[in-house]
């Protein structure tokens, strides 16, 4: 049976006009692959081979074993006696499974439950997933729930002889789950085999492709991997087109949202030092720290202040008239590692500020920005977030970073992008996606990312060099 085209490969133009102006990251429509089959059929092995071969960042393997329903004390005792049916569809919380998969499909941070086969109960531990580009779901009832099937892009059934599955299950339960052989045989004959024939086998009809002989069928697995690669490549192309389209509807930058540092003699002098290849690393760090302090101070002008509720007195005892205090918590987020160049200056100005980090790197072949790591502090209600990057050339990483922060509950109007060198193309792209974001920039160039390579005077707008010089890795 042929594998149908992925519905997630539709270009952004398929969305409404309003959505088309917003940034749609890869994890908002992750590619979801379902792998079903008998217990012991080799589902996990097939899923792992797909993960290894496609080599896609943020690929998540999600097991339906985590979604077994919590047991009552009586049911738990039955489970310990191998008298509880874990292989009936009713034993799995299919509604929770669907809701978690839908949440991931919509790009939201999702907590996955953890089930212990030793305790026969859910644990208090949760697996938090965010930013998945590819989700591979494996389980005996992976292709059972009609609503779950609608979320999947490719549905695979691993068809292995039931006797082979029996042997594999015996070995797995003895070695991995420390169970006695009599209990395993009892459970197989009473529950596993009947459910496999009556409930699992019919889901084969819901599959896009069936893999005969399970994980040993390398030809079928290779065919599936090639198809998935093709779909992911198209998804990457659509993402890049979408990024390039952002900001094209903006004729001019709205300078009510963008603050550009004035070209004072002091700033022009420090810029000359920063650009001079003869500048020592110590001097480079010293002068960039000075510029960073100016940028941070300018960004802090966007923080809300309010009248103080306490009376304030000077050292000689006179009352301070109309004192004001900072009314917003300030949280910093660095785009690694360029944004880390601001940290020395930030610690001098706001020592207590919480700091988060995101790692976004471009694919070496496609140029597509990819979210590799995000470690963010809790964002308090109404906080101001300063997003730091030393250079914004295409705006792709900055746009993706803003979306990550928004996904964690921060208001768009409370995000300030702080950058030293930026192109107008990049700023239009960021504001085209998120018009309420504020930008503080040290030097703004009209050169586009491509033009900058041909314009010698604006070479710094197309070459990332600040973090390499700042940390001595150039």
Protein backbone atom coordinates (compact mmCIF):
# COMPACT_ATOMS: atom_id res chain seq x y z
CA UNK A 1 0.00 0.00 0.00
CA UNK A 2 1.40 3.42 -0.92
CA UNK A 3 2.07 6.02 1.73
CA UNK A 4 -0.07 9.17 1.30
CA UNK A 5 1.29 12.68 1.29
CA UNK A 6 1.64 14.28 4.68
CA UNK A 7 -1.09 16.82 5.52
CA UNK A 8 1.48 18.72 7.56
CA UNK A 9 3.46 19.52 4.42
CA UNK A 10 0.99 22.20 3.34
CA UNK A 11 2.68 25.56 2.82
CA UNK A 12 1.86 28.42 5.18
CA UNK A 13 -0.28 30.01 2.44
CA UNK A 14 -2.93 27.45 3.30
CA UNK A 15 -3.57 29.36 6.53
CA UNK A 16 -5.70 32.48 6.88
CA UNK A 17 -4.27 35.90 6.04
CA UNK A 18 -3.88 36.69 9.75
CA UNK A 19 -1.99 33.47 10.43
CA UNK A 20 0.17 33.98 7.35
CA UNK A 21 1.71 37.07 8.95
CA UNK A 22 2.54 35.15 12.12
CA UNK A 23 5.47 32.82 12.65
CA UNK A 24 4.61 29.13 12.45
CA UNK A 25 7.53 27.11 13.90
CA UNK A 26 8.22 23.47 12.93
CA UNK A 27 6.95 22.14 16.26
CA UNK A 28 3.50 23.72 15.72
CA UNK A 29 2.89 20.99 13.14
CA UNK A 30 5.27 18.15 14.03
CA UNK A 31 5.46 15.12 11.77
CA UNK A 32 3.72 12.31 13.68
CA UNK A 33 4.41 8.65 12.92
CA UNK A 34 2.39 5.86 14.50
CA UNK A 35 3.88 2.37 14.88
CA UNK A 36 1.52 -0.43 15.96
CA UNK A 37 1.61 -4.22 16.13
CA UNK A 38 1.45 -7.15 18.53
CA UNK A 39 3.29 -7.09 21.82
CA UNK A 40 6.83 -8.24 20.96
CA UNK A 41 6.42 -7.56 17.24
CA UNK A 42 9.44 -5.24 17.09
CA UNK A 43 7.60 -1.88 17.16
CA UNK A 44 10.22 -0.21 19.34
CA UNK A 45 13.06 -1.54 17.18
CA UNK A 46 11.41 -0.18 14.02
CA UNK A 47 10.79 3.18 15.70
CA UNK A 48 14.40 3.38 16.87
CA UNK A 49 15.71 2.55 13.38
CA UNK A 50 13.61 5.39 11.97
CA UNK A 51 14.99 7.79 14.57
CA UNK A 52 18.58 6.76 13.87
CA UNK A 53 18.21 7.03 10.09
CA UNK A 54 16.32 10.31 9.72
CA UNK A 55 18.71 12.03 12.17
CA UNK A 56 16.25 14.87 12.82
CA UNK A 57 16.75 17.19 15.83
CA UNK A 58 14.05 17.00 18.47
CA UNK A 59 12.69 13.61 17.48
CA UNK A 60 10.59 12.19 20.31
CA UNK A 61 9.76 8.51 20.85
CA UNK A 62 6.49 8.27 22.76
CA UNK A 63 5.35 4.92 24.17
CA UNK A 64 1.72 4.12 24.85
CA UNK A 65 2.93 2.10 27.85
CA UNK A 66 3.03 5.44 29.73
CA UNK A 67 -0.74 5.80 29.34
CA UNK A 68 -1.98 2.78 31.26
CA UNK A 69 -4.81 3.80 33.58
CA UNK A 70 -4.04 4.06 37.33
CA UNK A 71 -5.16 0.91 39.11
CA UNK A 72 -7.28 0.61 42.21
CA UNK A 73 -5.74 -1.30 45.16
CA UNK A 74 -7.79 -4.38 44.16
CA UNK A 75 -6.69 -4.16 40.52
CA UNK A 76 -3.08 -3.72 41.61
CA UNK A 77 -3.24 -6.93 43.58
CA UNK A 78 -4.66 -8.65 40.50
CA UNK A 79 -1.77 -7.30 38.45
CA UNK A 80 0.77 -8.75 40.87
CA UNK A 81 -0.99 -12.11 40.51
CA UNK A 82 -0.93 -11.76 36.67
CA UNK A 83 -4.73 -11.67 36.70
CA UNK A 84 -5.24 -8.11 35.40
CA UNK A 85 -5.79 -7.58 31.66
CA UNK A 86 -3.26 -4.97 30.46
CA UNK A 87 -3.91 -5.91 26.82
CA UNK A 88 -7.53 -4.85 26.54
CA UNK A 89 -8.15 -1.40 24.98
CA UNK A 90 -9.94 -0.37 28.19
CA UNK A 91 -6.67 -0.65 30.17
CA UNK A 92 -5.18 2.30 28.27
CA UNK A 93 -6.28 5.88 28.89
CA UNK A 94 -6.90 6.59 25.21
CA UNK A 95 -8.49 9.98 25.89
CA UNK A 96 -5.42 11.20 27.78
CA UNK A 97 -3.23 9.78 25.04
CA UNK A 98 -5.19 11.72 22.42
CA UNK A 99 -5.12 14.96 24.44
CA UNK A 100 -1.34 14.74 24.94
CA UNK A 101 -0.75 14.05 21.25
CA UNK A 102 -3.06 16.92 20.26
CA UNK A 103 -1.21 19.25 22.63
CA UNK A 104 2.11 18.27 21.01
CA UNK A 105 0.59 18.68 17.55
CA UNK A 106 -0.36 22.24 18.50
CA UNK A 107 3.17 23.00 19.65
CA UNK A 108 2.45 23.29 23.37
CA UNK A 109 4.60 22.06 26.25
CA UNK A 110 3.10 18.74 27.28
CA UNK A 111 3.56 16.59 30.39
CA UNK A 112 3.59 12.85 29.69
CA UNK A 113 2.76 10.45 32.57
CA UNK A 114 5.18 7.71 33.61
CA UNK A 115 3.94 4.19 34.41
CA UNK A 116 5.89 1.75 36.58
CA UNK A 117 5.51 -1.97 35.76
CA UNK A 118 7.29 -2.77 39.00
CA UNK A 119 4.71 -0.89 41.10
CA UNK A 120 1.86 -1.42 38.61
CA UNK A 121 0.92 2.24 38.99
CA UNK A 122 1.65 5.68 37.62
CA UNK A 123 4.51 7.48 39.32
CA UNK A 124 4.61 11.14 40.33
CA UNK A 125 7.28 11.71 37.67
CA UNK A 126 6.34 13.50 34.44
CA UNK A 127 8.19 13.71 31.12
CA UNK A 128 7.96 17.24 29.75
CA UNK A 129 8.09 17.57 25.95
CA UNK A 130 8.32 20.81 24.01
CA UNK A 131 9.53 21.71 20.54
CA UNK A 132 9.35 18.28 18.90
CA UNK A 133 9.79 18.32 15.12
CA UNK A 134 9.08 14.59 14.74
CA UNK A 135 7.02 12.42 17.11
CA UNK A 136 7.10 8.63 16.79
CA UNK A 137 4.36 6.92 18.76
CA UNK A 138 4.55 3.18 19.38
CA UNK A 139 2.08 0.88 21.11
CA UNK A 140 -0.27 -1.99 20.48
CA UNK A 141 -3.26 0.38 20.23
CA UNK A 142 -1.45 3.15 18.44
CA UNK A 143 -3.78 2.81 15.42
CA UNK A 144 -6.94 2.10 17.42
CA UNK A 145 -8.40 5.49 18.40
CA UNK A 146 -10.12 7.22 15.40
CA UNK A 147 -9.27 10.73 16.64
CA UNK A 148 -5.61 9.76 17.13
CA UNK A 149 -5.45 8.48 13.56
CA UNK A 150 -6.43 11.95 12.32
CA UNK A 151 -3.34 13.44 13.98
CA UNK A 152 -0.88 11.04 12.35
CA UNK A 153 0.99 11.72 9.13
CA UNK A 154 2.24 8.16 8.61
CA UNK A 155 0.66 5.05 10.13
CA UNK A 156 2.76 1.86 10.26
CA UNK A 157 1.76 -1.65 11.31
CA UNK A 158 4.57 -4.08 12.18
CA UNK A 159 3.24 -7.53 11.21
CA UNK A 160 5.16 -10.29 13.01
CA UNK A 161 4.14 -13.92 13.54
CA UNK A 162 2.44 -14.33 16.91
CA UNK A 163 4.72 -17.21 17.97
CA UNK A 164 7.79 -15.04 17.43
CA UNK A 165 6.14 -12.28 19.49
CA UNK A 166 5.53 -14.82 22.26
CA UNK A 167 9.21 -15.76 22.44
CA UNK A 168 10.32 -12.13 22.47
CA UNK A 169 7.84 -11.24 25.21
CA UNK A 170 9.05 -14.12 27.37
CA UNK A 171 12.65 -12.90 27.10
CA UNK A 172 11.75 -9.23 27.67
CA UNK A 173 9.58 -9.80 30.75
CA UNK A 174 12.11 -12.13 32.37
CA UNK A 175 15.15 -9.91 31.75
CA UNK A 176 13.73 -6.38 31.88
CA UNK A 177 10.70 -6.69 34.15
CA UNK A 178 12.03 -9.45 36.46
CA UNK A 179 8.86 -11.53 36.20
CA UNK A 180 8.50 -15.29 36.70
CA UNK A 181 7.97 -17.47 33.64
CA UNK A 182 4.75 -19.07 34.96
CA UNK A 183 3.11 -15.68 35.34
CA UNK A 184 4.21 -14.59 31.88
CA UNK A 185 2.73 -17.73 30.27
CA UNK A 186 -0.49 -17.36 32.27
CA UNK A 187 -0.90 -13.74 31.18
CA UNK A 188 -0.13 -14.56 27.54
CA UNK A 189 -2.71 -17.34 27.30
CA UNK A 190 -5.39 -15.51 29.26
CA UNK A 191 -5.09 -11.93 28.02
CA UNK A 192 -2.32 -11.15 25.50
CA UNK A 193 -3.07 -13.65 22.75
CA UNK A 194 -6.89 -13.15 22.70
CA UNK A 195 -6.56 -9.34 22.66
CA UNK A 196 -3.88 -9.50 19.96
CA UNK A 197 -6.13 -11.51 17.65
CA UNK A 198 -9.42 -9.75 18.44
CA UNK A 199 -8.39 -6.11 19.01
CA UNK A 200 -4.84 -5.39 17.80
CA UNK A 201 -4.85 -7.32 14.51
CA UNK A 202 -7.85 -5.40 13.05
CA UNK A 203 -5.95 -2.08 13.39
CA UNK A 204 -3.75 -3.29 10.51
CA UNK A 205 -6.54 -1.97 8.24
CA UNK A 206 -5.87 1.57 9.51
CA UNK A 207 -2.19 1.51 8.49
CA UNK A 208 -0.73 3.34 5.51
CA UNK A 209 1.98 0.71 5.23
CA UNK A 210 2.43 -2.78 6.70
CA UNK A 211 5.89 -4.18 7.46
CA UNK A 212 5.80 -8.00 7.11
CA UNK A 213 8.28 -9.93 9.30
CA UNK A 214 8.72 -6.96 11.62
CA UNK A 215 12.04 -5.27 12.24
CA UNK A 216 13.88 -7.85 10.11
CA UNK A 217 12.29 -6.42 6.95
CA UNK A 218 15.04 -3.92 6.15
CA UNK A 219 13.71 -3.17 2.65
CA UNK A 220 10.32 -2.03 3.95
CA UNK A 221 11.91 0.02 6.73
CA UNK A 222 14.25 1.67 4.23
CA UNK A 223 11.28 2.58 2.01
CA UNK A 224 9.49 4.18 4.96
CA UNK A 225 12.59 6.14 5.98
CA UNK A 226 13.01 7.50 2.43
CA UNK A 227 9.39 8.62 2.42
CA UNK A 228 9.72 10.32 5.79
CA UNK A 229 12.91 12.07 4.70
CA UNK A 230 11.12 13.38 1.61
CA UNK A 231 8.24 14.70 3.71
CA UNK A 232 10.57 16.33 6.23
CA UNK A 233 12.58 17.93 3.43
CA UNK A 234 9.41 19.48 2.04
CA UNK A 235 8.42 20.59 5.52
CA UNK A 236 11.81 22.28 5.89
CA UNK A 237 11.43 24.03 2.51
CA UNK A 238 7.97 25.30 3.51
CA UNK A 239 9.36 26.56 6.82
CA UNK A 240 12.14 28.52 5.08
CA UNK A 241 9.67 30.01 2.58
CA UNK A 242 7.45 31.02 5.46
CA UNK A 243 10.36 32.71 7.26
CA UNK A 244 11.40 34.57 4.12
CA UNK A 245 7.83 35.80 3.60
CA UNK A 246 7.63 37.36 7.06
CA UNK A 247 8.00 41.12 7.02
CA UNK A 248 7.51 41.49 3.26
CA UNK A 249 4.16 43.19 3.89
CA UNK A 250 5.99 45.87 5.93
CA UNK A 251 7.14 48.72 3.69
CA UNK A 252 8.95 50.59 6.46
CA UNK A 253 10.01 49.76 9.99
CA UNK A 254 7.71 51.15 12.67
CA UNK A 255 10.12 53.11 14.82
CA UNK A 256 7.60 53.36 17.63
CA UNK A 257 8.56 49.71 18.24
CA UNK A 258 12.29 50.07 17.48
CA UNK A 259 14.85 52.11 19.40
CA UNK A 260 18.13 52.68 17.58
CA UNK A 261 21.03 54.08 19.61
CA UNK A 262 22.03 57.56 18.36
CA UNK A 263 25.26 57.74 16.38
CA UNK A 264 27.23 59.65 19.00
CA UNK A 265 31.00 60.07 18.74
CA UNK A 266 31.38 57.72 21.72
CA UNK A 267 29.38 54.92 20.09
CA UNK A 268 31.02 55.42 16.69
CA UNK A 269 34.43 55.24 18.35
CA UNK A 270 33.58 52.01 20.16
CA UNK A 271 32.14 50.56 16.95
CA UNK A 272 35.46 51.28 15.20
CA UNK A 273 37.29 49.40 17.96
CA UNK A 274 34.86 46.46 17.74
CA UNK A 275 35.32 46.18 13.97
CA UNK A 276 39.10 46.59 14.00
CA UNK A 277 40.73 43.17 13.56
CA UNK A 278 43.84 44.49 15.33
CA UNK A 279 41.90 45.07 18.55
CA UNK A 280 43.06 42.76 21.35
CA UNK A 281 40.56 40.37 22.90
CA UNK A 282 40.73 42.20 26.23
CA UNK A 283 39.90 45.51 24.57
CA UNK A 284 37.17 43.88 22.48
CA UNK A 285 35.49 42.52 25.64
CA UNK A 286 35.88 45.83 27.48
CA UNK A 287 34.26 47.93 24.75
CA UNK A 288 31.53 45.44 23.92
CA UNK A 289 30.64 45.38 27.63
CA UNK A 290 30.29 49.16 27.51
CA UNK A 291 28.00 48.95 24.48
CA UNK A 292 26.03 46.13 26.08
CA UNK A 293 25.49 48.26 29.19
CA UNK A 294 24.10 51.09 27.07
CA UNK A 295 21.77 48.71 25.22
CA UNK A 296 20.54 47.14 28.48
CA UNK A 297 19.98 50.55 30.05
CA UNK A 298 17.95 51.61 27.01
CA UNK A 299 15.90 48.41 27.19
CA UNK A 300 15.19 49.03 30.88
CA UNK A 301 13.47 52.28 29.89
CA UNK A 302 10.67 50.01 28.62
CA UNK A 303 10.19 48.43 32.06
CA UNK A 304 7.15 49.67 33.98
CA UNK A 305 7.66 51.73 37.13
CA UNK A 306 5.10 52.87 39.67
CA UNK A 307 4.94 55.25 42.67
CA UNK A 308 6.54 53.80 45.80
CA UNK A 309 4.19 52.69 48.57
CA UNK A 310 6.90 53.41 51.15
CA UNK A 311 8.31 56.74 52.22
CA UNK A 312 11.96 57.18 51.25
CA UNK A 313 14.40 59.48 53.09
CA UNK A 314 17.82 60.78 52.09
CA UNK A 315 20.93 60.23 54.28
CA UNK A 316 20.33 63.65 55.90
CA UNK A 317 16.73 62.78 56.72
CA UNK A 318 14.82 64.73 54.09
CA UNK A 319 11.89 63.05 52.36
CA UNK A 320 12.27 62.06 48.71
CA UNK A 321 9.53 63.60 46.62
CA UNK A 322 7.43 61.28 44.39
CA UNK A 323 9.70 58.21 44.56
CA UNK A 324 9.06 55.43 42.04
CA UNK A 325 10.06 51.77 42.08
CA UNK A 326 10.41 49.07 39.44
CA UNK A 327 7.02 47.38 39.08
CA UNK A 328 8.05 44.53 36.75
CA UNK A 329 10.34 41.58 37.21
CA UNK A 330 13.03 41.53 34.50
CA UNK A 331 14.02 38.13 33.08
CA UNK A 332 16.81 37.68 30.54
CA UNK A 333 16.86 35.08 27.79
CA UNK A 334 20.05 34.48 25.80
CA UNK A 335 20.24 33.07 22.30
CA UNK A 336 23.31 30.85 22.78
CA UNK A 337 26.07 31.80 22.52
CA UNK A 338 25.82 35.24 21.01
CA UNK A 339 23.46 36.44 23.74
CA UNK A 340 25.87 35.29 26.44
CA UNK A 341 28.10 38.27 25.57
CA UNK A 342 25.69 40.48 27.54
CA UNK A 343 25.87 38.61 30.83
CA UNK A 344 28.76 40.50 32.47
CA UNK A 345 26.99 43.79 31.84
CA UNK A 346 23.60 42.41 32.91
CA UNK A 347 25.00 41.17 36.23
CA UNK A 348 26.41 44.62 36.95
CA UNK A 349 23.10 46.34 36.19
CA UNK A 350 20.56 43.74 37.46
CA UNK A 351 22.45 41.23 39.62
CA UNK A 352 19.28 39.36 40.66
CA UNK A 353 17.84 38.86 37.16
CA UNK A 354 16.85 35.28 36.29
CA UNK A 355 18.45 34.05 33.07
CA UNK A 356 17.20 31.50 30.54
CA UNK A 357 18.83 30.14 27.40
CA UNK A 358 17.77 28.87 23.99
CA UNK A 359 20.06 27.18 21.49
CA UNK A 360 18.99 27.71 17.89
CA UNK A 361 21.29 26.61 15.09
CA UNK A 362 20.88 26.59 11.33
CA UNK A 363 20.94 23.32 9.42
CA UNK A 364 24.20 23.18 7.47
CA UNK A 365 22.44 22.00 4.30
CA UNK A 366 19.07 23.78 4.26
CA UNK A 367 19.85 26.84 6.39
CA UNK A 368 16.68 26.16 8.38
CA UNK A 369 16.84 27.33 12.02
CA UNK A 370 16.35 24.46 14.45
CA UNK A 371 15.59 24.61 18.14
CA UNK A 372 18.06 22.32 19.92
CA UNK A 373 17.79 23.34 23.57
CA UNK A 374 15.62 25.58 25.72
CA UNK A 375 16.10 26.05 29.43
CA UNK A 376 13.90 28.84 30.71
CA UNK A 377 13.04 30.02 34.22
CA UNK A 378 9.42 30.33 35.36
CA UNK A 379 7.97 33.54 33.93
CA UNK A 380 5.99 35.53 36.48
CA UNK A 381 2.76 37.21 35.44
CA UNK A 382 3.42 40.51 33.67
CA UNK A 383 7.22 40.16 33.67
CA UNK A 384 9.44 41.94 31.14
CA UNK A 385 11.65 39.61 29.10
CA UNK A 386 14.89 40.89 27.54
CA UNK A 387 15.89 38.63 24.63
CA UNK A 388 19.62 39.03 23.91
CA UNK A 389 21.49 38.44 20.66
CA UNK A 390 24.67 40.19 19.52
CA UNK A 391 23.84 40.04 15.81
CA UNK A 392 20.57 39.49 13.96
CA UNK A 393 21.22 38.87 10.28
CA UNK A 394 18.25 37.04 8.77
CA UNK A 395 16.04 37.24 11.86
CA UNK A 396 15.21 33.53 11.75
CA UNK A 397 16.73 32.60 15.12
CA UNK A 398 15.35 35.70 16.84
CA UNK A 399 11.88 35.04 15.44
CA UNK A 400 12.01 31.43 16.63
CA UNK A 401 13.26 32.51 20.08
CA UNK A 402 10.38 34.98 20.45
CA UNK A 403 7.93 32.18 19.64
CA UNK A 404 9.49 29.94 22.30
CA UNK A 405 9.05 32.67 24.92
CA UNK A 406 5.43 33.25 23.84
CA UNK A 407 4.77 29.52 24.16
CA UNK A 408 5.79 29.80 27.80
CA UNK A 409 3.02 32.29 28.58
CA UNK A 410 4.74 35.67 28.16
CA UNK A 411 2.75 38.49 26.54
CA UNK A 412 4.09 39.61 23.18
CA UNK A 413 4.14 43.25 24.31
CA UNK A 414 6.43 42.37 27.23
CA UNK A 415 9.29 41.03 25.07
CA UNK A 416 12.24 43.28 24.18
CA UNK A 417 14.78 42.08 21.61
CA UNK A 418 18.19 43.57 22.47
CA UNK A 419 20.77 43.38 19.67
CA UNK A 420 23.91 45.26 18.68
CA UNK A 421 24.13 44.73 14.90
CA UNK A 422 20.95 44.03 12.92
CA UNK A 423 19.72 44.26 9.33
CA UNK A 424 16.48 46.01 8.45
CA UNK A 425 15.34 42.79 6.75
CA UNK A 426 15.72 40.90 10.04
CA UNK A 427 13.86 43.49 12.08
CA UNK A 428 11.02 43.65 9.57
CA UNK A 429 10.83 39.86 9.75
CA UNK A 430 10.61 39.83 13.54
CA UNK A 431 8.04 42.64 13.65
CA UNK A 432 6.13 41.11 10.74
CA UNK A 433 5.61 38.01 12.84
CA UNK A 434 5.24 39.73 16.21
CA UNK A 435 4.26 43.42 15.82
CA UNK A 436 3.96 44.07 19.56
CA UNK A 437 7.57 43.07 20.33
CA UNK A 438 9.92 45.97 21.10
CA UNK A 439 13.46 46.14 19.68
CA UNK A 440 16.53 47.96 21.02
CA UNK A 441 19.35 47.93 18.48
CA UNK A 442 22.80 49.47 18.47
CA UNK A 443 23.43 49.65 14.72
CA UNK A 444 20.83 49.05 12.02
CA UNK A 445 21.86 48.43 8.42
CA UNK A 446 19.75 48.57 5.27
CA UNK A 447 21.89 45.81 3.75
CA UNK A 448 20.04 42.53 3.36
CA UNK A 449 21.73 39.30 4.55
CA UNK A 450 22.73 38.50 0.95
CA UNK A 451 23.64 42.09 0.01
CA UNK A 452 25.95 42.34 3.01
CA UNK A 453 28.28 39.76 1.49
CA UNK A 454 28.88 42.05 -1.49
CA UNK A 455 28.97 45.31 0.42
CA UNK A 456 32.37 45.61 2.08
CA UNK A 457 31.30 48.47 4.35
CA UNK A 458 28.53 46.32 5.87
CA UNK A 459 30.40 43.02 6.08
CA UNK A 460 29.62 42.70 9.79
CA UNK A 461 25.91 42.46 8.98
CA UNK A 462 26.38 39.12 7.24
CA UNK A 463 29.16 37.60 9.34
CA UNK A 464 28.72 36.37 12.90
CA UNK A 465 31.91 37.32 14.68
CA UNK A 466 31.08 39.02 17.99
CA UNK A 467 30.67 35.90 20.16
CA UNK A 468 33.75 34.28 18.60
CA UNK A 469 35.91 37.31 19.41
CA UNK A 470 34.29 37.87 22.81
CA UNK A 471 34.96 34.31 23.98
CA UNK A 472 38.25 33.94 22.13
CA UNK A 473 37.13 31.15 19.83
CA UNK A 474 37.87 32.92 16.53
